[in-house]
Each structure stands twice: as structure tokens, then as C-alpha cells.
Amino acid sequence: MMRSKTVEEYLASPMTSKITDGRPEVYRVYVEDMLNVCKDLSDVTSDMVTDTCTDQLLEAVPTSLQKHMHIWP
């Protein structure tokens, strides 16, 4: 969980290295911002954000907008 890690710990994690193609330092500013926000999240808030972001039916989004979306598996 991001809340329990420092910026250095997060950047040093194997997952971060893989996501950043071995260049985690490039994403330091983003990680710092995410960790700053995450420290105030509760488990309930985190679950609600995840549900909100992932519980959208793609069919409900107009085709004209879908072509501008980036969806990661």
C-alpha cells in the first residue's frame, strides 16, 4: 500500500522499476504527489475511489470520447 511507504521505498520497489522501464527517478514528482494524497486516504475512501474509477461501463461512454481514452489492463 502506498500510504505506508516513503518516496525512496516506493521508487526502489520492483513494481515501480518495471512500470517505469527501469527509470523510477523520472516519476519522482508524481510519486511524491500520490503519496501526499494517499496519506490522508482511509481504506474506505480508497475503496470508493477505486470503485468509482473502475465501475464504469465503456458502452455508456460515447464512441467519440472512447477514441481519446487510454485503458490499461
C-alpha atoms as a PDB file:
ATOM      1  CA  MET A   1       0.000   0.000   0.000  1.00  0.00           C
ATOM      2  CA  MET A   2       1.384   3.410  -0.932  1.00  0.00           C
ATOM      3  CA  ARG A   3       0.469   5.059   2.350  1.00  0.00           C
ATOM      4  CA  SER A   4       2.956   3.031   4.326  1.00  0.00           C
ATOM      5  CA  LYS A   5       5.987   3.730   2.104  1.00  0.00           C
ATOM      6  CA  THR A   6       8.383   6.614   1.726  1.00  0.00           C
ATOM      7  CA  VAL A   7       9.155   8.061  -1.701  1.00  0.00           C
ATOM      8  CA  GLU A   8      12.518   6.268  -1.683  1.00  0.00           C
ATOM      9  CA  GLU A   9      10.929   2.917  -0.787  1.00  0.00           C
ATOM     10  CA  TYR A  10       8.310   3.269  -3.473  1.00  0.00           C
ATOM     11  CA  LEU A  11      10.818   4.246  -6.168  1.00  0.00           C
ATOM     12  CA  ALA A  12      13.034   1.294  -5.171  1.00  0.00           C
ATOM     13  CA  SER A  13      10.244  -1.277  -5.446  1.00  0.00           C
ATOM     14  CA  PRO A  14      10.443  -3.865  -8.260  1.00  0.00           C
ATOM     15  CA  MET A  15       6.931  -2.926  -9.412  1.00  0.00           C
ATOM     16  CA  THR A  16       7.897   0.735  -9.848  1.00  0.00           C
ATOM     17  CA  SER A  17      11.043  -0.235 -11.707  1.00  0.00           C
ATOM     18  CA  LYS A  18       9.015  -2.401 -14.080  1.00  0.00           C
ATOM     19  CA  ILE A  19       6.320   0.226 -14.657  1.00  0.00           C
ATOM     20  CA  THR A  20       8.931   2.924 -15.319  1.00  0.00           C
ATOM     21  CA  ASP A  21      11.081   0.734 -17.563  1.00  0.00           C
ATOM     22  CA  GLY A  22      13.959   0.906 -15.070  1.00  0.00           C
ATOM     23  CA  ARG A  23      13.827   4.706 -14.697  1.00  0.00           C
ATOM     24  CA  PRO A  24      11.868   5.330 -11.478  1.00  0.00           C
ATOM     25  CA  GLU A  25      13.564   8.668 -10.769  1.00  0.00           C
ATOM     26  CA  VAL A  26      11.765  10.206 -13.759  1.00  0.00           C
ATOM     27  CA  TYR A  27       8.486   9.678 -11.895  1.00  0.00           C
ATOM     28  CA  ARG A  28       9.610  11.070  -8.530  1.00  0.00           C
ATOM     29  CA  VAL A  29       7.396  14.169  -8.753  1.00  0.00           C
ATOM     30  CA  TYR A  30       4.309  12.047  -9.489  1.00  0.00           C
ATOM     31  CA  VAL A  31       5.090   9.592  -6.694  1.00  0.00           C
ATOM     32  CA  GLU A  32       5.589  12.446  -4.234  1.00  0.00           C
ATOM     33  CA  ASP A  33       2.174  13.872  -5.155  1.00  0.00           C
ATOM     34  CA  MET A  34       0.457  10.481  -4.963  1.00  0.00           C
ATOM     35  CA  LEU A  35       1.993   9.718  -1.583  1.00  0.00           C
ATOM     36  CA  ASN A  36       0.984  13.138  -0.312  1.00  0.00           C
ATOM     37  CA  VAL A  37      -2.646  12.464  -1.258  1.00  0.00           C
ATOM     38  CA  CYS A  38      -2.618   8.818  -0.142  1.00  0.00           C
ATOM     39  CA  LYS A  39      -1.518   9.600   3.411  1.00  0.00           C
ATOM     40  CA  ASP A  40      -4.953  11.121   4.025  1.00  0.00           C
ATOM     41  CA  LEU A  41      -6.955   8.273   2.483  1.00  0.00           C
ATOM     42  CA  SER A  42      -8.711   5.722   4.613  1.00  0.00           C
ATOM     43  CA  ASP A  43      -9.347   2.177   3.404  1.00  0.00           C
ATOM     44  CA  VAL A  44     -12.989   3.109   2.813  1.00  0.00           C
ATOM     45  CA  THR A  45     -12.063   6.201   0.792  1.00  0.00           C
ATOM     46  CA  SER A  46      -9.525   4.215  -1.215  1.00  0.00           C
ATOM     47  CA  ASP A  47     -12.131   1.549  -1.992  1.00  0.00           C
ATOM     48  CA  MET A  48     -14.659   4.201  -3.028  1.00  0.00           C
ATOM     49  CA  VAL A  49     -12.161   5.878  -5.379  1.00  0.00           C
ATOM     50  CA  THR A  50     -11.276   2.507  -6.917  1.00  0.00           C
ATOM     51  CA  ASP A  51     -14.937   1.586  -7.373  1.00  0.00           C
ATOM     52  CA  THR A  52     -15.709   4.949  -8.948  1.00  0.00           C
ATOM     53  CA  CYS A  53     -12.788   4.734 -11.360  1.00  0.00           C
ATOM     54  CA  THR A  54     -13.282   1.118 -12.378  1.00  0.00           C
ATOM     55  CA  ASP A  55     -17.027   0.617 -12.303  1.00  0.00           C
ATOM     56  CA  GLN A  56     -17.856   2.486 -15.487  1.00  0.00           C
ATOM     57  CA  LEU A  57     -19.424   0.716 -18.421  1.00  0.00           C
ATOM     58  CA  LEU A  58     -17.459   1.521 -21.559  1.00  0.00           C
ATOM     59  CA  GLU A  59     -20.634   1.190 -23.605  1.00  0.00           C
ATOM     60  CA  ALA A  60     -22.051   4.190 -21.719  1.00  0.00           C
ATOM     61  CA  VAL A  61     -19.219   6.397 -22.973  1.00  0.00           C
ATOM     62  CA  PRO A  62     -19.890   7.889 -26.418  1.00  0.00           C
ATOM     63  CA  THR A  63     -17.735   6.455 -29.200  1.00  0.00           C
ATOM     64  CA  SER A  64     -16.390   9.927 -29.945  1.00  0.00           C
ATOM     65  CA  LEU A  65     -14.912  10.035 -26.416  1.00  0.00           C
ATOM     66  CA  GLN A  66     -13.754   6.415 -26.358  1.00  0.00           C
ATOM     67  CA  LYS A  67     -11.215   7.111 -29.103  1.00  0.00           C
ATOM     68  CA  HIS A  68      -9.470   9.559 -26.734  1.00  0.00           C
ATOM     69  CA  MET A  69      -9.375   7.168 -23.767  1.00  0.00           C
ATOM     70  CA  HIS A  70      -6.383   5.165 -22.649  1.00  0.00           C
ATOM     71  CA  ILE A  71      -7.287   1.959 -20.834  1.00  0.00           C
ATOM     72  CA  TRP A  72      -4.669  -0.115 -19.073  1.00  0.00           C
ATOM     73  CA  PRO A  73      -5.383  -3.738 -18.199  1.00  0.00           C
END
